[in-house]
């Protein structure tokens, strides 16, 4: 069996070019926009959120999740980017983050009280 290195090199070069082209298409803003504005069905939304379809229907009934229902249609639709943003906005702070926020608020209040006392000339006896 003989190996034609020139032919092999050409095929590797072509493959590399195809991969680069595909990467460019995947990273292009238009591709991301199309993907983020993608309409999803109830089942697809449930899969994205790792929930059951019954849970998604319940959340729609309670109006706790963003959805669309075209007039005259019994179908529900969800926009992928809206669901992702909804999940991100529902993020809860960790205990450490809450502790840090409390420290900052206490520090800010102490500083304001000191500044107020300095302007008024200190505590009245």
PDB file of N, CA and C in Angstrom:
ATOM      1  N   UNK A   1       0.843  -1.166   0.000  1.00  0.00           N
ATOM      2  CA  UNK A   1       0.000   0.000   0.000  1.00  0.00           C
ATOM      3  C   UNK A   1       0.897   1.241   0.000  1.00  0.00           C
ATOM      4  N   UNK A   2       0.663   2.109  -0.983  1.00  0.00           N
ATOM      5  CA  UNK A   2       1.470   3.326  -1.072  1.00  0.00           C
ATOM      6  C   UNK A   2       0.636   4.511  -0.580  1.00  0.00           C
ATOM      7  N   UNK A   3       1.320   5.435   0.049  1.00  0.00           N
ATOM      8  CA  UNK A   3       0.669   6.619   0.581  1.00  0.00           C
ATOM      9  C   UNK A   3       1.121   7.815  -0.228  1.00  0.00           C
ATOM     10  N   UNK A   4       0.143   8.525  -0.778  1.00  0.00           N
ATOM     11  CA  UNK A   4       0.451   9.729  -1.532  1.00  0.00           C
ATOM     12  C   UNK A   4       0.358  10.903  -0.547  1.00  0.00           C
ATOM     13  N   UNK A   5       1.510  11.352  -0.062  1.00  0.00           N
ATOM     14  CA  UNK A   5       1.553  12.395   0.954  1.00  0.00           C
ATOM     15  C   UNK A   5       0.990  13.721   0.463  1.00  0.00           C
ATOM     16  N   UNK A   6       1.164  14.026  -0.786  1.00  0.00           N
ATOM     17  CA  UNK A   6       0.621  15.272  -1.334  1.00  0.00           C
ATOM     18  C   UNK A   6      -0.903  15.251  -1.289  1.00  0.00           C
ATOM     19  N   UNK A   7      -1.484  14.104  -1.678  1.00  0.00           N
ATOM     20  CA  UNK A   7      -2.933  13.970  -1.647  1.00  0.00           C
ATOM     21  C   UNK A   7      -3.439  14.037  -0.204  1.00  0.00           C
ATOM     22  N   UNK A   8      -2.755  13.385   0.704  1.00  0.00           N
ATOM     23  CA  UNK A   8      -3.116  13.405   2.113  1.00  0.00           C
ATOM     24  C   UNK A   8      -3.055  14.824   2.675  1.00  0.00           C
ATOM     25  N   UNK A   9      -2.003  15.545   2.325  1.00  0.00           N
ATOM     26  CA  UNK A   9      -1.841  16.919   2.796  1.00  0.00           C
ATOM     27  C   UNK A   9      -2.972  17.806   2.256  1.00  0.00           C
ATOM     28  N   UNK A  10      -3.357  17.615   1.009  1.00  0.00           N
ATOM     29  CA  UNK A  10      -4.453  18.390   0.426  1.00  0.00           C
ATOM     30  C   UNK A  10      -5.776  18.109   1.131  1.00  0.00           C
ATOM     31  N   UNK A  11      -6.021  16.844   1.429  1.00  0.00           N
ATOM     32  CA  UNK A  11      -7.267  16.485   2.098  1.00  0.00           C
ATOM     33  C   UNK A  11      -7.310  17.051   3.520  1.00  0.00           C
ATOM     34  N   UNK A  12      -6.197  17.016   4.217  1.00  0.00           N
ATOM     35  CA  UNK A  12      -6.137  17.593   5.558  1.00  0.00           C
ATOM     36  C   UNK A  12      -6.373  19.099   5.489  1.00  0.00           C
ATOM     37  N   UNK A  13      -5.810  19.754   4.498  1.00  0.00           N
ATOM     38  CA  UNK A  13      -5.982  21.185   4.329  1.00  0.00           C
ATOM     39  C   UNK A  13      -7.450  21.525   4.045  1.00  0.00           C
ATOM     40  N   UNK A  14      -8.097  20.741   3.194  1.00  0.00           N
ATOM     41  CA  UNK A  14      -9.507  20.966   2.881  1.00  0.00           C
ATOM     42  C   UNK A  14     -10.378  20.748   4.114  1.00  0.00           C
ATOM     43  N   UNK A  15     -10.074  19.722   4.880  1.00  0.00           N
ATOM     44  CA  UNK A  15     -10.828  19.431   6.097  1.00  0.00           C
ATOM     45  C   UNK A  15     -10.672  20.568   7.100  1.00  0.00           C
ATOM     46  N   UNK A  16      -9.463  21.057   7.242  1.00  0.00           N
ATOM     47  CA  UNK A  16      -9.201  22.167   8.161  1.00  0.00           C
ATOM     48  C   UNK A  16     -10.001  23.393   7.742  1.00  0.00           C
ATOM     49  N   UNK A  17     -10.048  23.671   6.441  1.00  0.00           N
ATOM     50  CA  UNK A  17     -10.789  24.824   5.932  1.00  0.00           C
ATOM     51  C   UNK A  17     -12.286  24.673   6.209  1.00  0.00           C
ATOM     52  N   UNK A  18     -12.812  23.469   6.037  1.00  0.00           N
ATOM     53  CA  UNK A  18     -14.222  23.224   6.318  1.00  0.00           C
ATOM     54  C   UNK A  18     -14.534  23.444   7.800  1.00  0.00           C
ATOM     55  N   UNK A  19     -13.670  22.975   8.669  1.00  0.00           N
ATOM     56  CA  UNK A  19     -13.865  23.146  10.103  1.00  0.00           C
ATOM     57  C   UNK A  19     -13.852  24.630  10.461  1.00  0.00           C
ATOM     58  N   UNK A  20     -12.917  25.382   9.902  1.00  0.00           N
ATOM     59  CA  UNK A  20     -12.842  26.818  10.173  1.00  0.00           C
ATOM     60  C   UNK A  20     -14.103  27.538   9.683  1.00  0.00           C
ATOM     61  N   UNK A  21     -14.602  27.140   8.532  1.00  0.00           N
ATOM     62  CA  UNK A  21     -15.823  27.733   7.993  1.00  0.00           C
ATOM     63  C   UNK A  21     -17.012  27.456   8.913  1.00  0.00           C
ATOM     64  N   UNK A  22     -17.114  26.210   9.380  1.00  0.00           N
ATOM     65  CA  UNK A  22     -18.200  25.857  10.287  1.00  0.00           C
ATOM     66  C   UNK A  22     -18.109  26.630  11.600  1.00  0.00           C
ATOM     67  N   UNK A  23     -16.909  26.781  12.117  1.00  0.00           N
ATOM     68  CA  UNK A  23     -16.722  27.543  13.358  1.00  0.00           C
ATOM     69  C   UNK A  23     -17.123  29.000  13.164  1.00  0.00           C
ATOM     70  N   UNK A  24     -16.767  29.572  12.017  1.00  0.00           N
ATOM     71  CA  UNK A  24     -17.159  30.956  11.725  1.00  0.00           C
ATOM     72  C   UNK A  24     -18.678  31.095  11.694  1.00  0.00           C
ATOM     73  N   UNK A  25     -19.350  30.137  11.083  1.00  0.00           N
ATOM     74  CA  UNK A  25     -20.811  30.191  11.004  1.00  0.00           C
ATOM     75  C   UNK A  25     -21.442  30.045  12.381  1.00  0.00           C
ATOM     76  N   UNK A  26     -20.901  29.169  13.201  1.00  0.00           N
ATOM     77  CA  UNK A  26     -21.442  28.982  14.549  1.00  0.00           C
ATOM     78  C   UNK A  26     -21.234  30.209  15.427  1.00  0.00           C
ATOM     79  N   UNK A  27     -20.135  30.913  15.229  1.00  0.00           N
ATOM     80  CA  UNK A  27     -19.813  32.069  16.056  1.00  0.00           C
ATOM     81  C   UNK A  27     -20.340  33.382  15.500  1.00  0.00           C
ATOM     82  N   UNK A  28     -20.974  33.346  14.350  1.00  0.00           N
ATOM     83  CA  UNK A  28     -21.470  34.584  13.754  1.00  0.00           C
ATOM     84  C   UNK A  28     -22.669  35.103  14.538  1.00  0.00           C
ATOM     85  N   UNK A  29     -22.796  36.426  14.674  1.00  0.00           N
ATOM     86  CA  UNK A  29     -23.925  37.007  15.418  1.00  0.00           C
ATOM     87  C   UNK A  29     -25.281  36.616  14.858  1.00  0.00           C
ATOM     88  N   UNK A  30     -25.391  36.488  13.544  1.00  0.00           N
ATOM     89  CA  UNK A  30     -26.669  36.126  12.932  1.00  0.00           C
ATOM     90  C   UNK A  30     -27.100  34.747  13.398  1.00  0.00           C
ATOM     91  N   UNK A  31     -26.158  33.825  13.482  1.00  0.00           N
ATOM     92  CA  UNK A  31     -26.467  32.471  13.921  1.00  0.00           C
ATOM     93  C   UNK A  31     -26.940  32.465  15.365  1.00  0.00           C
ATOM     94  N   UNK A  32     -26.280  33.237  16.222  1.00  0.00           N
ATOM     95  CA  UNK A  32     -26.668  33.299  17.628  1.00  0.00           C
ATOM     96  C   UNK A  32     -28.044  33.934  17.774  1.00  0.00           C
ATOM     97  N   UNK A  33     -28.327  34.969  16.962  1.00  0.00           N
ATOM     98  CA  UNK A  33     -29.622  35.637  17.043  1.00  0.00           C
ATOM     99  C   UNK A  33     -30.734  34.681  16.630  1.00  0.00           C
ATOM    100  N   UNK A  34     -30.524  33.957  15.541  1.00  0.00           N
ATOM    101  CA  UNK A  34     -31.533  33.010  15.089  1.00  0.00           C
ATOM    102  C   UNK A  34     -31.794  31.961  16.162  1.00  0.00           C
ATOM    103  N   UNK A  35     -30.735  31.492  16.800  1.00  0.00           N
ATOM    104  CA  UNK A  35     -30.859  30.452  17.807  1.00  0.00           C
ATOM    105  C   UNK A  35     -31.563  30.997  19.043  1.00  0.00           C
ATOM    106  N   UNK A  36     -31.231  32.225  19.462  1.00  0.00           N
ATOM    107  CA  UNK A  36     -31.806  32.778  20.678  1.00  0.00           C
ATOM    108  C   UNK A  36     -33.267  33.171  20.482  1.00  0.00           C
ATOM    109  N   UNK A  37     -33.681  33.518  19.269  1.00  0.00           N
ATOM    110  CA  UNK A  37     -35.065  33.895  19.001  1.00  0.00           C
ATOM    111  C   UNK A  37     -35.903  32.700  18.549  1.00  0.00           C
ATOM    112  N   UNK A  38     -35.355  31.533  18.691  1.00  0.00           N
ATOM    113  CA  UNK A  38     -36.035  30.314  18.270  1.00  0.00           C
ATOM    114  C   UNK A  38     -37.316  30.110  19.073  1.00  0.00           C
ATOM    115  N   UNK A  39     -38.401  29.769  18.387  1.00  0.00           N
ATOM    116  CA  UNK A  39     -39.661  29.456  19.048  1.00  0.00           C
ATOM    117  C   UNK A  39     -39.659  27.999  19.481  1.00  0.00           C
ATOM    118  N   UNK A  40     -40.120  27.769  20.695  1.00  0.00           N
ATOM    119  CA  UNK A  40     -40.148  26.423  21.245  1.00  0.00           C
ATOM    120  C   UNK A  40     -41.578  26.014  21.564  1.00  0.00           C
ATOM    121  N   UNK A  41     -41.843  24.727  21.463  1.00  0.00           N
ATOM    122  CA  UNK A  41     -43.123  24.188  21.885  1.00  0.00           C
ATOM    123  C   UNK A  41     -43.066  23.925  23.392  1.00  0.00           C
ATOM    124  N   UNK A  42     -44.178  23.494  23.951  1.00  0.00           N
ATOM    125  CA  UNK A  42     -44.210  23.199  25.388  1.00  0.00           C
ATOM    126  C   UNK A  42     -43.194  22.104  25.720  1.00  0.00           C
ATOM    127  N   UNK A  43     -43.145  21.077  24.916  1.00  0.00           N
ATOM    128  CA  UNK A  43     -42.200  19.980  25.162  1.00  0.00           C
ATOM    129  C   UNK A  43     -40.751  20.436  25.089  1.00  0.00           C
ATOM    130  N   UNK A  44     -40.443  21.257  24.090  1.00  0.00           N
ATOM    131  CA  UNK A  44     -39.074  21.759  23.949  1.00  0.00           C
ATOM    132  C   UNK A  44     -38.710  22.686  25.103  1.00  0.00           C
ATOM    133  N   UNK A  45     -39.661  23.514  25.523  1.00  0.00           N
ATOM    134  CA  UNK A  45     -39.406  24.405  26.666  1.00  0.00           C
ATOM    135  C   UNK A  45     -39.178  23.580  27.929  1.00  0.00           C
ATOM    136  N   UNK A  46     -39.975  22.543  28.105  1.00  0.00           N
ATOM    137  CA  UNK A  46     -39.812  21.669  29.270  1.00  0.00           C
ATOM    138  C   UNK A  46     -38.430  21.012  29.260  1.00  0.00           C
ATOM    139  N   UNK A  47     -37.991  20.564  28.101  1.00  0.00           N
ATOM    140  CA  UNK A  47     -36.657  19.954  27.997  1.00  0.00           C
ATOM    141  C   UNK A  47     -35.566  20.966  28.303  1.00  0.00           C
ATOM    142  N   UNK A  48     -35.703  22.188  27.788  1.00  0.00           N
ATOM    143  CA  UNK A  48     -34.715  23.226  28.027  1.00  0.00           C
ATOM    144  C   UNK A  48     -34.601  23.540  29.515  1.00  0.00           C
ATOM    145  N   UNK A  49     -35.749  23.591  30.196  1.00  0.00           N
ATOM    146  CA  UNK A  49     -35.777  23.956  31.606  1.00  0.00           C
ATOM    147  C   UNK A  49     -35.639  22.751  32.538  1.00  0.00           C
ATOM    148  N   UNK A  50     -35.583  21.561  31.954  1.00  0.00           N
ATOM    149  CA  UNK A  50     -35.486  20.318  32.723  1.00  0.00           C
ATOM    150  C   UNK A  50     -36.698  20.164  33.651  1.00  0.00           C
ATOM    151  N   UNK A  51     -37.882  20.418  33.085  1.00  0.00           N
ATOM    152  CA  UNK A  51     -39.140  20.294  33.812  1.00  0.00           C
ATOM    153  C   UNK A  51     -40.051  19.352  33.047  1.00  0.00           C
ATOM    154  N   UNK A  52     -41.143  18.937  33.677  1.00  0.00           N
ATOM    155  CA  UNK A  52     -42.142  18.155  32.957  1.00  0.00           C
ATOM    156  C   UNK A  52     -43.066  19.104  32.207  1.00  0.00           C
ATOM    157  N   UNK A  53     -43.746  18.588  31.199  1.00  0.00           N
ATOM    158  CA  UNK A  53     -44.680  19.434  30.454  1.00  0.00           C
ATOM    159  C   UNK A  53     -45.825  19.874  31.365  1.00  0.00           C
ATOM    160  N   UNK A  54     -46.233  19.016  32.299  1.00  0.00           N
ATOM    161  CA  UNK A  54     -47.299  19.386  33.228  1.00  0.00           C
ATOM    162  C   UNK A  54     -46.878  20.583  34.077  1.00  0.00           C
ATOM    163  N   UNK A  55     -45.624  20.598  34.516  1.00  0.00           N
ATOM    164  CA  UNK A  55     -45.117  21.724  35.309  1.00  0.00           C
ATOM    165  C   UNK A  55     -45.126  22.997  34.480  1.00  0.00           C
ATOM    166  N   UNK A  56     -44.729  22.895  33.219  1.00  0.00           N
ATOM    167  CA  UNK A  56     -44.718  24.078  32.342  1.00  0.00           C
ATOM    168  C   UNK A  56     -46.146  24.590  32.138  1.00  0.00           C
ATOM    169  N   UNK A  57     -47.097  23.685  31.887  1.00  0.00           N
ATOM    170  CA  UNK A  57     -48.491  24.110  31.740  1.00  0.00           C
ATOM    171  C   UNK A  57     -48.985  24.796  33.017  1.00  0.00           C
ATOM    172  N   UNK A  58     -48.613  24.266  34.176  1.00  0.00           N
ATOM    173  CA  UNK A  58     -49.001  24.871  35.442  1.00  0.00           C
ATOM    174  C   UNK A  58     -48.429  26.264  35.602  1.00  0.00           C
ATOM    175  N   UNK A  59     -47.173  26.434  35.196  1.00  0.00           N
ATOM    176  CA  UNK A  59     -46.535  27.747  35.289  1.00  0.00           C
ATOM    177  C   UNK A  59     -47.178  28.735  34.327  1.00  0.00           C
ATOM    178  N   UNK A  60     -47.606  28.256  33.169  1.00  0.00           N
ATOM    179  CA  UNK A  60     -48.310  29.119  32.209  1.00  0.00           C
ATOM    180  C   UNK A  60     -49.652  29.539  32.806  1.00  0.00           C
ATOM    181  N   UNK A  61     -50.362  28.592  33.392  1.00  0.00           N
ATOM    182  CA  UNK A  61     -51.662  28.887  33.997  1.00  0.00           C
ATOM    183  C   UNK A  61     -51.522  29.949  35.085  1.00  0.00           C
ATOM    184  N   UNK A  62     -50.445  29.861  35.869  1.00  0.00           N
ATOM    185  CA  UNK A  62     -50.204  30.823  36.946  1.00  0.00           C
ATOM    186  C   UNK A  62     -49.500  32.090  36.454  1.00  0.00           C
ATOM    187  N   UNK A  63     -49.217  32.128  35.156  1.00  0.00           N
ATOM    188  CA  UNK A  63     -48.508  33.266  34.533  1.00  0.00           C
ATOM    189  C   UNK A  63     -47.167  33.544  35.214  1.00  0.00           C
ATOM    190  N   UNK A  64     -46.446  32.469  35.513  1.00  0.00           N
ATOM    191  CA  UNK A  64     -45.140  32.594  36.159  1.00  0.00           C
ATOM    192  C   UNK A  64     -43.991  32.445  35.166  1.00  0.00           C
ATOM    193  N   UNK A  65     -44.302  32.166  33.904  1.00  0.00           N
ATOM    194  CA  UNK A  65     -43.278  31.913  32.893  1.00  0.00           C
ATOM    195  C   UNK A  65     -43.659  32.698  31.638  1.00  0.00           C
ATOM    196  N   UNK A  66     -42.669  33.271  30.923  1.00  0.00           N
ATOM    197  CA  UNK A  66     -43.013  34.013  29.697  1.00  0.00           C
ATOM    198  C   UNK A  66     -43.430  33.068  28.569  1.00  0.00           C
ATOM    199  N   UNK A  67     -44.559  33.370  27.955  1.00  0.00           N
ATOM    200  CA  UNK A  67     -45.051  32.534  26.854  1.00  0.00           C
ATOM    201  C   UNK A  67     -45.845  33.387  25.882  1.00  0.00           C
ATOM    202  N   UNK A  68     -46.122  32.795  24.713  1.00  0.00           N
ATOM    203  CA  UNK A  68     -46.954  33.452  23.706  1.00  0.00           C
ATOM    204  C   UNK A  68     -48.045  32.489  23.291  1.00  0.00           C
ATOM    205  N   UNK A  69     -49.228  33.056  23.058  1.00  0.00           N
ATOM    206  CA  UNK A  69     -50.350  32.255  22.575  1.00  0.00           C
ATOM    207  C   UNK A  69     -51.067  33.092  21.531  1.00  0.00           C
ATOM    208  N   UNK A  70     -50.758  32.846  20.255  1.00  0.00           N
ATOM    209  CA  UNK A  70     -51.391  33.638  19.194  1.00  0.00           C
ATOM    210  C   UNK A  70     -52.914  33.545  19.283  1.00  0.00           C
ATOM    211  N   UNK A  71     -53.588  34.667  19.031  1.00  0.00           N
ATOM    212  CA  UNK A  71     -55.050  34.674  19.113  1.00  0.00           C
ATOM    213  C   UNK A  71     -55.629  33.698  18.093  1.00  0.00           C
ATOM    214  N   UNK A  72     -56.664  33.010  18.525  1.00  0.00           N
ATOM    215  CA  UNK A  72     -57.305  32.028  17.658  1.00  0.00           C
ATOM    216  C   UNK A  72     -56.568  30.701  17.614  1.00  0.00           C
ATOM    217  N   UNK A  73     -55.495  30.593  18.363  1.00  0.00           N
ATOM    218  CA  UNK A  73     -54.712  29.362  18.364  1.00  0.00           C
ATOM    219  C   UNK A  73     -54.692  28.789  19.773  1.00  0.00           C
ATOM    220  N   UNK A  74     -54.775  27.518  19.870  1.00  0.00           N
ATOM    221  CA  UNK A  74     -54.703  26.876  21.174  1.00  0.00           C
ATOM    222  C   UNK A  74     -53.279  26.484  21.532  1.00  0.00           C
ATOM    223  N   UNK A  75     -52.320  26.869  20.692  1.00  0.00           N
ATOM    224  CA  UNK A  75     -50.928  26.459  20.906  1.00  0.00           C
ATOM    225  C   UNK A  75     -50.175  27.482  21.730  1.00  0.00           C
ATOM    226  N   UNK A  76     -49.251  26.980  22.531  1.00  0.00           N
ATOM    227  CA  UNK A  76     -48.372  27.832  23.315  1.00  0.00           C
ATOM    228  C   UNK A  76     -46.989  27.812  22.694  1.00  0.00           C
ATOM    229  N   UNK A  77     -46.324  28.951  22.721  1.00  0.00           N
ATOM    230  CA  UNK A  77     -44.964  29.048  22.217  1.00  0.00           C
ATOM    231  C   UNK A  77     -44.104  29.779  23.240  1.00  0.00           C
ATOM    232  N   UNK A  78     -42.843  29.477  23.211  1.00  0.00           N
ATOM    233  CA  UNK A  78     -41.882  30.084  24.107  1.00  0.00           C
ATOM    234  C   UNK A  78     -40.682  30.530  23.287  1.00  0.00           C
ATOM    235  N   UNK A  79     -40.115  31.683  23.613  1.00  0.00           N
ATOM    236  CA  UNK A  79     -38.914  32.171  22.939  1.00  0.00           C
ATOM    237  C   UNK A  79     -37.721  31.749  23.797  1.00  0.00           C
ATOM    238  N   UNK A  80     -36.799  31.034  23.174  1.00  0.00           N
ATOM    239  CA  UNK A  80     -35.650  30.483  23.899  1.00  0.00           C
ATOM    240  C   UNK A  80     -34.923  31.551  24.717  1.00  0.00           C
ATOM    241  N   UNK A  81     -34.628  32.694  24.098  1.00  0.00           N
ATOM    242  CA  UNK A  81     -33.872  33.739  24.802  1.00  0.00           C
ATOM    243  C   UNK A  81     -34.657  34.286  25.995  1.00  0.00           C
ATOM    244  N   UNK A  82     -35.988  34.376  25.879  1.00  0.00           N
ATOM    245  CA  UNK A  82     -36.804  34.858  26.992  1.00  0.00           C
ATOM    246  C   UNK A  82     -36.777  33.871  28.153  1.00  0.00           C
ATOM    247  N   UNK A  83     -36.809  32.589  27.844  1.00  0.00           N
ATOM    248  CA  UNK A  83     -36.754  31.576  28.902  1.00  0.00           C
ATOM    249  C   UNK A  83     -35.409  31.608  29.614  1.00  0.00           C
ATOM    250  N   UNK A  84     -34.341  31.755  28.847  1.00  0.00           N
ATOM    251  CA  UNK A  84     -33.003  31.803  29.446  1.00  0.00           C
ATOM    252  C   UNK A  84     -32.869  33.039  30.322  1.00  0.00           C
ATOM    253  N   UNK A  85     -33.359  34.172  29.846  1.00  0.00           N
ATOM    254  CA  UNK A  85     -33.307  35.405  30.635  1.00  0.00           C
ATOM    255  C   UNK A  85     -34.163  35.270  31.892  1.00  0.00           C
ATOM    256  N   UNK A  86     -35.315  34.636  31.781  1.00  0.00           N
ATOM    257  CA  UNK A  86     -36.204  34.409  32.916  1.00  0.00           C
ATOM    258  C   UNK A  86     -35.507  33.574  33.987  1.00  0.00           C
ATOM    259  N   UNK A  87     -34.795  32.542  33.552  1.00  0.00           N
ATOM    260  CA  UNK A  87     -34.056  31.706  34.505  1.00  0.00           C
ATOM    261  C   UNK A  87     -32.952  32.525  35.169  1.00  0.00           C
ATOM    262  N   UNK A  88     -32.226  33.302  34.375  1.00  0.00           N
ATOM    263  CA  UNK A  88     -31.131  34.112  34.925  1.00  0.00           C
ATOM    264  C   UNK A  88     -31.647  35.131  35.930  1.00  0.00           C
ATOM    265  N   UNK A  89     -32.784  35.765  35.651  1.00  0.00           N
ATOM    266  CA  UNK A  89     -33.342  36.767  36.549  1.00  0.00           C
ATOM    267  C   UNK A  89     -33.851  36.160  37.849  1.00  0.00           C
ATOM    268  N   UNK A  90     -34.128  34.875  37.840  1.00  0.00           N
ATOM    269  CA  UNK A  90     -34.622  34.204  39.039  1.00  0.00           C
ATOM    270  C   UNK A  90     -33.507  33.703  39.937  1.00  0.00           C
ATOM    271  N   UNK A  91     -32.281  34.029  39.610  1.00  0.00           N
ATOM    272  CA  UNK A  91     -31.144  33.551  40.391  1.00  0.00           C
ATOM    273  C   UNK A  91     -31.214  34.120  41.797  1.00  0.00           C
ATOM    274  N   UNK A  92     -30.990  33.271  42.774  1.00  0.00           N
ATOM    275  CA  UNK A  92     -31.000  33.689  44.170  1.00  0.00           C
ATOM    276  C   UNK A  92     -29.569  33.850  44.647  1.00  0.00           C
ATOM    277  N   UNK A  93     -29.350  34.852  45.488  1.00  0.00           N
ATOM    278  CA  UNK A  93     -28.013  35.126  46.014  1.00  0.00           C
ATOM    279  C   UNK A  93     -27.596  34.020  46.990  1.00  0.00           C
ATOM    280  N   UNK A  94     -26.301  33.731  47.008  1.00  0.00           N
ATOM    281  CA  UNK A  94     -25.772  32.752  47.951  1.00  0.00           C
ATOM    282  C   UNK A  94     -25.673  33.383  49.332  1.00  0.00           C
ATOM    283  N   UNK A  95     -25.472  32.566  50.343  1.00  0.00           N
ATOM    284  CA  UNK A  95     -25.319  33.075  51.711  1.00  0.00           C
ATOM    285  C   UNK A  95     -24.154  34.045  51.799  1.00  0.00           C
ATOM    286  N   UNK A  96     -23.053  33.721  51.139  1.00  0.00           N
ATOM    287  CA  UNK A  96     -21.888  34.610  51.158  1.00  0.00           C
ATOM    288  C   UNK A  96     -22.216  35.959  50.521  1.00  0.00           C
ATOM    289  N   UNK A  97     -22.946  35.936  49.405  1.00  0.00           N
ATOM    290  CA  UNK A  97     -23.317  37.183  48.744  1.00  0.00           C
ATOM    291  C   UNK A  97     -24.255  38.014  49.629  1.00  0.00           C
ATOM    292  N   UNK A  98     -25.193  37.351  50.290  1.00  0.00           N
ATOM    293  CA  UNK A  98     -26.104  38.062  51.190  1.00  0.00           C
ATOM    294  C   UNK A  98     -25.347  38.657  52.374  1.00  0.00           C
ATOM    295  N   UNK A  99     -24.393  37.906  52.918  1.00  0.00           N
ATOM    296  CA  UNK A  99     -23.570  38.411  54.023  1.00  0.00           C
ATOM    297  C   UNK A  99     -22.793  39.651  53.589  1.00  0.00           C
ATOM    298  N   UNK A 100     -22.225  39.603  52.391  1.00  0.00           N
ATOM    299  CA  UNK A 100     -21.451  40.743  51.893  1.00  0.00           C
ATOM    300  C   UNK A 100     -22.354  41.967  51.693  1.00  0.00           C
ATOM    301  N   UNK A 101     -23.554  41.753  51.162  1.00  0.00           N
ATOM    302  CA  UNK A 101     -24.496  42.864  50.983  1.00  0.00           C
ATOM    303  C   UNK A 101     -24.856  43.480  52.338  1.00  0.00           C
ATOM    304  N   UNK A 102     -25.067  42.641  53.341  1.00  0.00           N
ATOM    305  CA  UNK A 102     -25.403  43.141  54.676  1.00  0.00           C
ATOM    306  C   UNK A 102     -24.242  43.945  55.252  1.00  0.00           C
ATOM    307  N   UNK A 103     -23.014  43.454  55.091  1.00  0.00           N
ATOM    308  CA  UNK A 103     -21.837  44.183  55.580  1.00  0.00           C
ATOM    309  C   UNK A 103     -21.726  45.552  54.908  1.00  0.00           C
ATOM    310  N   UNK A 104     -21.972  45.597  53.608  1.00  0.00           N
ATOM    311  CA  UNK A 104     -21.882  46.858  52.880  1.00  0.00           C
ATOM    312  C   UNK A 104     -22.955  47.839  53.352  1.00  0.00           C
ATOM    313  N   UNK A 105     -24.172  47.358  53.588  1.00  0.00           N
ATOM    314  CA  UNK A 105     -25.240  48.245  54.051  1.00  0.00           C
ATOM    315  C   UNK A 105     -24.940  48.775  55.450  1.00  0.00           C
ATOM    316  N   UNK A 106     -24.457  47.920  56.326  1.00  0.00           N
ATOM    317  CA  UNK A 106     -24.118  48.354  57.688  1.00  0.00           C
ATOM    318  C   UNK A 106     -22.998  49.384  57.638  1.00  0.00           C
ATOM    319  N   UNK A 107     -21.981  49.114  56.845  1.00  0.00           N
ATOM    320  CA  UNK A 107     -20.856  50.036  56.723  1.00  0.00           C
ATOM    321  C   UNK A 107     -21.323  51.387  56.178  1.00  0.00           C
ATOM    322  N   UNK A 108     -22.203  51.356  55.185  1.00  0.00           N
ATOM    323  CA  UNK A 108     -22.721  52.582  54.585  1.00  0.00           C
ATOM    324  C   UNK A 108     -23.523  53.386  55.619  1.00  0.00           C
ATOM    325  N   UNK A 109     -24.338  52.720  56.411  1.00  0.00           N
ATOM    326  CA  UNK A 109     -25.139  53.414  57.423  1.00  0.00           C
ATOM    327  C   UNK A 109     -24.261  54.023  58.504  1.00  0.00           C
ATOM    328  N   UNK A 110     -23.234  53.302  58.929  1.00  0.00           N
ATOM    329  CA  UNK A 110     -22.310  53.821  59.945  1.00  0.00           C
ATOM    330  C   UNK A 110     -21.606  55.071  59.423  1.00  0.00           C
ATOM    331  N   UNK A 111     -21.168  55.012  58.163  1.00  0.00           N
ATOM    332  CA  UNK A 111     -20.486  56.159  57.556  1.00  0.00           C
ATOM    333  C   UNK A 111     -21.423  57.367  57.485  1.00  0.00           C
ATOM    334  N   UNK A 112     -22.668  57.162  57.079  1.00  0.00           N
ATOM    335  CA  UNK A 112     -23.633  58.266  56.987  1.00  0.00           C
ATOM    336  C   UNK A 112     -23.919  58.866  58.362  1.00  0.00           C
ATOM    337  N   UNK A 113     -24.018  58.032  59.390  1.00  0.00           N
ATOM    338  CA  UNK A 113     -24.266  58.544  60.738  1.00  0.00           C
ATOM    339  C   UNK A 113     -23.097  59.394  61.229  1.00  0.00           C
ATOM    340  N   UNK A 114     -21.877  58.915  60.954  1.00  0.00           N
ATOM    341  CA  UNK A 114     -20.690  59.679  61.360  1.00  0.00           C
ATOM    342  C   UNK A 114     -20.672  61.033  60.655  1.00  0.00           C
ATOM    343  N   UNK A 115     -20.989  61.029  59.342  1.00  0.00           N
ATOM    344  CA  UNK A 115     -21.001  62.282  58.582  1.00  0.00           C
ATOM    345  C   UNK A 115     -22.080  63.215  59.105  1.00  0.00           C
ATOM    346  N   UNK A 116     -23.210  62.672  59.475  1.00  0.00           N
ATOM    347  CA  UNK A 116     -24.304  63.488  60.001  1.00  0.00           C
ATOM    348  C   UNK A 116     -23.919  64.106  61.340  1.00  0.00           C
ATOM    349  N   UNK A 117     -23.302  63.325  62.198  1.00  0.00           N
ATOM    350  CA  UNK A 117     -22.868  63.841  63.505  1.00  0.00           C
ATOM    351  C   UNK A 117     -21.807  64.907  63.341  1.00  0.00           C
ATOM    352  N   UNK A 118     -20.902  64.729  62.384  1.00  0.00           N
ATOM    353  CA  UNK A 118     -19.849  65.717  62.141  1.00  0.00           C
ATOM    354  C   UNK A 118     -20.451  67.050  61.674  1.00  0.00           C
ATOM    355  N   UNK A 119     -21.471  67.012  60.855  1.00  0.00           N
ATOM    356  CA  UNK A 119     -22.104  68.235  60.362  1.00  0.00           C
ATOM    357  C   UNK A 119     -22.860  68.952  61.469  1.00  0.00           C
ATOM    358  N   UNK A 120     -23.460  68.167  62.356  1.00  0.00           N
ATOM    359  CA  UNK A 120     -24.246  68.763  63.433  1.00  0.00           C
ATOM    360  C   UNK A 120     -23.397  69.139  64.638  1.00  0.00           C
ATOM    361  N   UNK A 121     -22.143  68.771  64.635  1.00  0.00           N
ATOM    362  CA  UNK A 121     -21.276  69.119  65.754  1.00  0.00           C
ATOM    363  C   UNK A 121     -21.238  68.066  66.842  1.00  0.00           C
ATOM    364  N   UNK A 122     -21.644  66.874  66.527  1.00  0.00           N
ATOM    365  CA  UNK A 122     -21.564  65.782  67.508  1.00  0.00           C
ATOM    366  C   UNK A 122     -22.814  65.682  68.349  1.00  0.00           C
ATOM    367  N   UNK A 123     -22.824  64.709  69.248  1.00  0.00           N
ATOM    368  CA  UNK A 123     -24.025  64.495  70.079  1.00  0.00           C
ATOM    369  C   UNK A 123     -24.224  65.631  71.076  1.00  0.00           C
ATOM    370  N   UNK A 124     -25.473  65.939  71.329  1.00  0.00           N
ATOM    371  CA  UNK A 124     -25.820  67.004  72.280  1.00  0.00           C
ATOM    372  C   UNK A 124     -25.885  66.391  73.671  1.00  0.00           C
ATOM    373  N   UNK A 125     -25.247  67.066  74.655  1.00  0.00           N
ATOM    374  CA  UNK A 125     -25.212  66.538  76.009  1.00  0.00           C
ATOM    375  C   UNK A 125     -26.380  66.977  76.833  1.00  0.00           C
TER     376      UNK A 125
END
